[in-house]
Amino acid sequence: MNGGSFHVTPPVRALPPALPLDEAVRRGREAREAMGRRPRYVQDALAVDFECASDEQLFGPQRTSRADLPDPVAWAGRLTRSLLEVMTGSRPAPQVVRWTTPEVYAVVARRGALVARRAAEGRAPRTRHPVVVQRVRVCEPADGVAEAAVVVRHGPRVRAVAVRLVGQDGAWRVSALQVG
């Protein structure tokens, strides 16, 4: 060979035949007894019910009843202010992702990105006015559901905002948002 190296692979050995299951269990038990230890617990087969529910029902968002949720008036005011701050570009959108449904988050984040892009291009004024919640009215049409009418002031403008909150995983989440 031209100074190169070569590699010799060892011959492949056949594996010994597998023991029948009862023989393997017997040998394992004998080995433990010889060592002076007895098994304390042997797991039996697990019962699995494939008819009970889908993965979404078991692992998806779980509804929460009103008794397990905080005051919806305070939450409606805070969440509305936070969502409007995202929509006006004064708060990053990921800060509200856990408090909104995916549909509401997509709309709010898109609006916030549009405002930020317009401000970067110089087509929108850079003045920052705080969002001030003036009034919150809440009604609860069903268990774990709250609908709120929120009056907010943003600079010289006064707006009405309608918010639907649903109880999910022990907290309120915004499932619908309408800004007037």
Protein backbone atom coordinates (compact mmCIF):
# COMPACT_ATOMS: atom_id res chain seq x y z
CA MET A 1 0.00 0.00 0.00
CA ASN A 2 1.18 3.55 -0.63
CA GLY A 3 1.97 4.47 2.96
CA GLY A 4 -1.74 4.53 3.79
CA SER A 5 -3.22 2.78 6.73
CA PHE A 6 -5.93 0.24 6.72
CA HIS A 7 -8.31 -1.02 9.31
CA VAL A 8 -9.20 -4.58 10.01
CA THR A 9 -12.63 -5.17 11.52
CA PRO A 10 -12.95 -8.02 13.94
CA PRO A 11 -15.31 -10.81 12.98
CA VAL A 12 -18.91 -10.33 14.09
CA ARG A 13 -19.91 -12.72 16.83
CA ALA A 14 -23.42 -13.99 17.02
CA LEU A 15 -25.34 -13.10 20.18
CA PRO A 16 -26.41 -15.95 22.40
CA PRO A 17 -30.05 -16.90 22.03
CA ALA A 18 -32.41 -14.96 24.30
CA LEU A 19 -33.78 -16.73 27.32
CA PRO A 20 -37.49 -17.30 27.61
CA LEU A 21 -39.09 -14.68 29.86
CA ASP A 22 -39.93 -17.05 32.71
CA GLU A 23 -36.37 -18.41 32.70
CA ALA A 24 -34.92 -14.86 32.82
CA VAL A 25 -37.23 -13.93 35.72
CA ARG A 26 -36.28 -17.13 37.57
CA ARG A 27 -32.55 -16.48 37.12
CA GLY A 28 -32.94 -12.87 38.28
CA ARG A 29 -34.84 -14.00 41.39
CA GLU A 30 -32.19 -16.63 42.18
CA ALA A 31 -29.42 -14.05 41.79
CA ARG A 32 -31.18 -11.63 44.19
CA GLU A 33 -31.80 -14.38 46.73
CA ALA A 34 -28.17 -15.39 46.54
CA MET A 35 -27.24 -11.79 47.34
CA GLY A 36 -29.63 -11.76 50.30
CA ARG A 37 -32.10 -9.22 48.84
CA ARG A 38 -35.68 -9.82 47.91
CA PRO A 39 -37.57 -7.52 45.62
CA ARG A 40 -39.95 -5.25 47.52
CA TYR A 41 -42.21 -4.35 44.62
CA VAL A 42 -42.83 -5.72 41.17
CA GLN A 43 -44.79 -3.49 38.82
CA ASP A 44 -47.71 -5.14 37.14
CA ALA A 45 -49.29 -4.08 33.86
CA LEU A 46 -50.80 -0.57 33.78
CA ALA A 47 -54.45 -0.14 32.89
CA VAL A 48 -54.85 2.33 30.04
CA ASP A 49 -58.21 3.71 28.95
CA PHE A 50 -58.07 4.90 25.34
CA GLU A 51 -61.74 5.89 25.27
CA CYS A 52 -61.62 8.59 27.98
CA ALA A 53 -60.58 11.77 26.14
CA SER A 54 -58.38 13.25 23.47
CA ASP A 55 -54.93 14.72 24.14
CA GLU A 56 -56.37 18.23 23.74
CA GLN A 57 -58.94 17.57 26.46
CA LEU A 58 -56.34 16.13 28.82
CA PHE A 59 -53.35 18.41 28.16
CA GLY A 60 -54.83 21.55 26.56
CA PRO A 61 -56.08 24.64 28.38
CA GLN A 62 -58.43 23.70 31.22
CA ARG A 63 -61.51 25.78 32.06
CA THR A 64 -61.54 27.34 35.52
CA SER A 65 -64.70 28.10 37.46
CA ARG A 66 -65.41 31.58 38.84
CA ALA A 67 -64.84 30.46 42.43
CA ASP A 68 -61.18 29.76 41.60
CA LEU A 69 -60.52 33.06 39.80
CA PRO A 70 -59.56 36.53 41.08
CA ASP A 71 -61.73 39.66 40.82
CA PRO A 72 -62.54 40.23 37.11
CA VAL A 73 -62.90 44.02 37.49
CA ALA A 74 -59.26 44.53 38.44
CA TRP A 75 -58.04 42.04 35.86
CA ALA A 76 -60.12 43.56 33.04
CA GLY A 77 -58.62 46.99 33.74
CA ARG A 78 -55.03 45.74 33.92
CA LEU A 79 -55.27 43.50 30.88
CA THR A 80 -56.98 46.18 28.79
CA ARG A 81 -54.29 48.72 29.68
CA SER A 82 -51.53 46.22 28.85
CA LEU A 83 -53.10 45.26 25.51
CA LEU A 84 -53.53 48.89 24.49
CA GLU A 85 -49.92 49.61 25.46
CA VAL A 86 -48.85 46.80 23.10
CA MET A 87 -51.08 48.17 20.35
CA THR A 88 -49.62 51.68 20.74
CA GLY A 89 -46.03 50.42 20.73
CA SER A 90 -45.11 51.27 24.32
CA ARG A 91 -44.99 47.63 25.52
CA PRO A 92 -43.47 44.54 23.84
CA ALA A 93 -46.08 42.05 22.64
CA PRO A 94 -44.58 38.93 24.27
CA GLN A 95 -45.43 40.38 27.69
CA VAL A 96 -49.13 39.66 27.12
CA VAL A 97 -48.93 36.30 25.34
CA ARG A 98 -49.83 34.29 28.45
CA TRP A 99 -52.91 36.44 29.14
CA THR A 100 -54.47 36.17 25.68
CA THR A 101 -55.75 33.50 23.34
CA PRO A 102 -53.64 32.96 20.20
CA GLU A 103 -56.20 34.79 18.02
CA VAL A 104 -56.24 37.91 20.20
CA TYR A 105 -52.47 37.88 20.58
CA ALA A 106 -51.97 37.73 16.81
CA VAL A 107 -54.13 40.83 16.26
CA VAL A 108 -52.58 42.80 19.12
CA ALA A 109 -48.99 41.89 18.17
CA ARG A 110 -49.61 42.74 14.49
CA ARG A 111 -51.01 46.14 15.44
CA GLY A 112 -48.04 46.82 17.75
CA ALA A 113 -45.57 45.86 15.01
CA LEU A 114 -47.35 48.14 12.53
CA VAL A 115 -47.16 51.11 14.93
CA ALA A 116 -43.48 50.42 15.64
CA ARG A 117 -42.70 50.22 11.91
CA ARG A 118 -44.52 53.49 11.20
CA ALA A 119 -42.64 55.20 14.05
CA ALA A 120 -39.31 53.90 12.72
CA GLU A 121 -40.12 55.25 9.26
CA GLY A 122 -41.06 58.63 10.71
CA ARG A 123 -44.70 58.39 9.61
CA ALA A 124 -46.09 58.39 13.17
CA PRO A 125 -45.47 60.86 15.99
CA ARG A 126 -43.07 59.75 18.74
CA THR A 127 -45.10 61.24 21.59
CA ARG A 128 -45.88 58.69 24.26
CA HIS A 129 -49.07 59.16 26.21
CA PRO A 130 -49.86 56.75 29.02
CA VAL A 131 -52.98 54.61 28.75
CA VAL A 132 -55.22 55.45 31.72
CA VAL A 133 -58.16 53.22 32.65
CA GLN A 134 -61.03 55.44 33.77
CA ARG A 135 -63.92 53.02 34.28
CA VAL A 136 -64.58 49.27 34.21
CA ARG A 137 -68.00 47.60 34.13
CA VAL A 138 -68.17 43.80 34.28
CA CYS A 139 -70.96 41.28 33.81
CA GLU A 140 -70.58 37.53 34.14
CA PRO A 141 -72.89 35.72 31.70
CA ALA A 142 -71.60 32.22 32.59
CA ASP A 143 -69.39 30.47 35.10
CA GLY A 144 -65.76 31.35 34.38
CA VAL A 145 -66.67 34.02 31.79
CA ALA A 146 -66.58 37.79 32.32
CA GLU A 147 -67.39 40.50 29.79
CA ALA A 148 -66.12 44.00 30.50
CA ALA A 149 -66.71 47.45 29.07
CA VAL A 150 -63.62 49.56 29.78
CA VAL A 151 -63.28 53.32 29.23
CA VAL A 152 -59.67 54.40 28.71
CA ARG A 153 -57.94 57.71 28.04
CA HIS A 154 -54.91 57.73 25.75
CA GLY A 155 -53.60 61.23 25.41
CA PRO A 156 -56.45 63.50 24.26
CA ARG A 157 -58.60 60.56 23.10
CA VAL A 158 -61.13 58.61 25.13
CA ARG A 159 -61.91 55.10 23.90
CA ALA A 160 -64.35 52.35 24.77
CA VAL A 161 -62.96 48.83 24.84
CA ALA A 162 -64.95 45.60 25.07
CA VAL A 163 -63.11 42.62 26.56
CA ARG A 164 -64.21 39.03 27.07
CA LEU A 165 -62.30 37.14 29.76
CA VAL A 166 -62.42 33.37 30.17
CA GLY A 167 -61.04 31.41 33.08
CA GLN A 168 -58.28 29.07 31.89
CA ASP A 169 -55.68 27.26 33.96
CA GLY A 170 -56.51 29.25 37.09
CA ALA A 171 -56.26 32.74 35.54
CA TRP A 172 -58.21 35.12 33.33
CA ARG A 173 -57.34 35.15 29.62
CA VAL A 174 -58.61 37.61 27.01
CA SER A 175 -60.55 35.71 24.35
CA ALA A 176 -62.09 38.70 22.54
CA LEU A 177 -61.11 42.35 22.23
CA GLN A 178 -62.88 45.22 20.48
CA VAL A 179 -61.44 48.73 20.57
CA GLY A 180 -63.81 51.60 19.67
